[in-house]
């Protein structure tokens, strides 16, 4: 069975180290996905990206 890849941005949301915990209010006072990074051992927003980024195998990075 062939599994389609999901288009995602190069950010925490598509990183293998990210675990989504829910939503939080970001610096713009907007609701944003929030979770934890197992590599950095800290809380991060889903739109962040760092040098420890490791792409999910079923994610296709959007340009």
N, C-alpha and C. Protein backbone atom coordinates (compact mmCIF):
# COMPACT_ATOMS: atom_id res chain seq x y z
N UNK A 1 0.84 -1.16 0.00
CA UNK A 1 0.00 0.00 0.00
C UNK A 1 0.90 1.25 0.00
N UNK A 2 0.64 2.17 -0.91
CA UNK A 2 1.42 3.40 -0.99
C UNK A 2 0.76 4.47 -0.12
N UNK A 3 1.57 5.08 0.74
CA UNK A 3 1.06 6.12 1.62
C UNK A 3 1.49 7.48 1.07
N UNK A 4 0.54 8.37 0.94
CA UNK A 4 0.84 9.72 0.44
C UNK A 4 1.55 10.53 1.51
N UNK A 5 2.44 11.39 1.07
CA UNK A 5 3.12 12.27 2.00
C UNK A 5 2.28 13.51 2.22
N UNK A 6 2.44 14.12 3.38
CA UNK A 6 1.69 15.30 3.76
C UNK A 6 2.58 16.53 3.60
N UNK A 7 2.10 17.54 2.89
CA UNK A 7 2.86 18.78 2.73
C UNK A 7 2.88 19.58 4.02
N UNK A 8 4.06 19.89 4.52
CA UNK A 8 4.21 20.62 5.78
C UNK A 8 5.38 21.59 5.68
N UNK A 9 5.39 22.62 6.51
CA UNK A 9 6.52 23.55 6.50
C UNK A 9 7.72 22.97 7.23
N UNK A 10 8.91 23.49 6.94
CA UNK A 10 10.10 23.07 7.68
C UNK A 10 10.08 23.83 9.01
N UNK A 11 9.45 23.22 9.99
CA UNK A 11 9.30 23.81 11.32
C UNK A 11 9.07 22.67 12.31
N UNK A 12 8.97 23.00 13.58
CA UNK A 12 8.80 21.98 14.62
C UNK A 12 7.65 21.02 14.33
N UNK A 13 6.57 21.52 13.76
CA UNK A 13 5.39 20.70 13.50
C UNK A 13 5.71 19.47 12.64
N UNK A 14 6.73 19.54 11.80
CA UNK A 14 7.10 18.40 10.94
C UNK A 14 8.41 17.76 11.37
N UNK A 15 8.82 17.99 12.62
CA UNK A 15 10.08 17.44 13.14
C UNK A 15 9.80 16.21 14.01
N UNK A 16 10.66 15.21 13.92
CA UNK A 16 10.49 13.99 14.70
C UNK A 16 10.67 14.24 16.20
N UNK A 17 11.33 15.32 16.58
CA UNK A 17 11.58 15.62 17.99
C UNK A 17 10.43 16.36 18.67
N UNK A 18 9.42 16.78 17.90
CA UNK A 18 8.31 17.60 18.42
C UNK A 18 7.12 16.74 18.82
N UNK A 19 6.55 17.02 19.99
CA UNK A 19 5.32 16.39 20.45
C UNK A 19 4.33 17.50 20.78
N UNK A 20 3.22 17.54 20.08
CA UNK A 20 2.22 18.59 20.27
C UNK A 20 1.48 18.35 21.59
N UNK A 21 1.35 19.41 22.40
CA UNK A 21 0.67 19.32 23.69
C UNK A 21 -0.68 20.03 23.67
N UNK A 22 -0.87 20.91 22.69
CA UNK A 22 -2.12 21.67 22.63
C UNK A 22 -1.89 23.03 22.02
N UNK A 23 -2.56 24.04 22.58
CA UNK A 23 -2.46 25.40 22.06
C UNK A 23 -2.04 26.35 23.16
N UNK A 24 -1.39 27.44 22.77
CA UNK A 24 -0.99 28.50 23.69
C UNK A 24 -1.14 29.83 22.96
N UNK A 25 -1.08 30.91 23.71
CA UNK A 25 -1.14 32.25 23.12
C UNK A 25 0.29 32.69 22.83
N UNK A 26 0.58 33.03 21.57
CA UNK A 26 1.93 33.44 21.19
C UNK A 26 2.13 34.94 21.43
N UNK A 27 3.28 35.47 21.03
CA UNK A 27 3.61 36.88 21.28
C UNK A 27 2.70 37.85 20.53
N UNK A 28 2.01 37.39 19.49
CA UNK A 28 1.06 38.23 18.75
C UNK A 28 -0.35 38.13 19.32
N UNK A 29 -0.49 37.51 20.49
CA UNK A 29 -1.79 37.29 21.14
C UNK A 29 -2.72 36.44 20.29
N UNK A 30 -2.16 35.52 19.53
CA UNK A 30 -2.95 34.59 18.72
C UNK A 30 -2.73 33.17 19.22
N UNK A 31 -3.74 32.33 19.02
CA UNK A 31 -3.65 30.93 19.41
C UNK A 31 -2.71 30.20 18.46
N UNK A 32 -1.75 29.44 19.01
CA UNK A 32 -0.78 28.72 18.19
C UNK A 32 -0.53 27.34 18.79
N UNK A 33 -0.23 26.36 17.93
CA UNK A 33 0.09 25.02 18.42
C UNK A 33 1.37 25.09 19.23
N UNK A 34 1.38 24.37 20.35
CA UNK A 34 2.50 24.39 21.28
C UNK A 34 2.82 22.95 21.66
N UNK A 35 4.07 22.68 21.96
CA UNK A 35 4.44 21.33 22.36
C UNK A 35 5.82 21.31 22.98
N UNK A 36 6.42 20.12 22.99
CA UNK A 36 7.75 19.99 23.57
C UNK A 36 8.71 19.38 22.56
N UNK A 37 9.97 19.75 22.71
CA UNK A 37 11.04 19.23 21.86
C UNK A 37 11.86 18.26 22.69
N UNK A 38 11.93 17.01 22.27
CA UNK A 38 12.67 16.00 23.02
C UNK A 38 14.18 16.20 22.89
N UNK A 39 14.62 16.89 21.86
CA UNK A 39 16.06 17.14 21.67
C UNK A 39 16.54 18.28 22.56
N UNK A 40 15.73 19.35 22.66
CA UNK A 40 16.11 20.52 23.46
C UNK A 40 15.58 20.45 24.89
N UNK A 41 14.65 19.52 25.15
CA UNK A 41 14.01 19.38 26.47
C UNK A 41 13.38 20.69 26.94
N UNK A 42 12.60 21.31 26.05
CA UNK A 42 11.89 22.54 26.41
C UNK A 42 10.63 22.69 25.57
N UNK A 43 9.78 23.61 25.98
CA UNK A 43 8.56 23.90 25.25
C UNK A 43 8.85 24.77 24.04
N UNK A 44 8.15 24.49 22.93
CA UNK A 44 8.35 25.24 21.69
C UNK A 44 7.01 25.41 20.98
N UNK A 45 6.93 26.46 20.15
CA UNK A 45 5.78 26.63 19.27
C UNK A 45 6.00 25.80 18.02
N UNK A 46 4.93 25.34 17.41
CA UNK A 46 5.01 24.46 16.24
C UNK A 46 5.65 25.12 15.03
N UNK A 47 5.69 26.44 14.99
CA UNK A 47 6.24 27.15 13.83
C UNK A 47 7.73 27.45 13.96
N UNK A 48 8.33 27.10 15.09
CA UNK A 48 9.76 27.33 15.28
C UNK A 48 10.58 26.29 14.52
N UNK A 49 11.84 26.61 14.29
CA UNK A 49 12.77 25.66 13.66
C UNK A 49 14.15 25.92 14.23
N UNK A 50 14.95 24.87 14.36
CA UNK A 50 16.30 25.02 14.90
C UNK A 50 17.26 24.10 14.16
N UNK A 51 18.50 24.10 14.58
CA UNK A 51 19.53 23.30 13.91
C UNK A 51 19.38 21.80 14.18
N UNK A 52 18.51 21.42 15.12
CA UNK A 52 18.28 20.00 15.44
C UNK A 52 17.12 19.40 14.66
N UNK A 53 16.61 20.13 13.66
CA UNK A 53 15.45 19.69 12.87
C UNK A 53 15.71 18.33 12.22
N UNK A 54 14.75 17.41 12.40
CA UNK A 54 14.81 16.08 11.79
C UNK A 54 13.44 15.80 11.18
N UNK A 55 13.37 15.82 9.86
CA UNK A 55 12.10 15.72 9.14
C UNK A 55 11.38 14.41 9.41
N UNK A 56 10.06 14.51 9.60
CA UNK A 56 9.21 13.32 9.71
C UNK A 56 9.26 12.57 8.38
N UNK A 57 9.29 11.23 8.40
CA UNK A 57 9.40 10.47 7.15
C UNK A 57 8.22 10.64 6.20
N UNK A 58 7.02 10.92 6.71
CA UNK A 58 5.85 11.07 5.84
C UNK A 58 5.52 12.52 5.53
N UNK A 59 6.43 13.43 5.85
CA UNK A 59 6.22 14.85 5.56
C UNK A 59 6.97 15.24 4.29
N UNK A 60 6.29 16.00 3.46
CA UNK A 60 6.92 16.56 2.26
C UNK A 60 7.00 18.06 2.50
N UNK A 61 8.21 18.60 2.53
CA UNK A 61 8.38 20.00 2.86
C UNK A 61 7.83 20.91 1.77
N UNK A 62 7.04 21.87 2.21
CA UNK A 62 6.47 22.86 1.29
C UNK A 62 7.51 23.94 1.01
N UNK A 63 7.49 24.45 -0.19
CA UNK A 63 8.47 25.49 -0.57
C UNK A 63 8.17 26.81 0.06
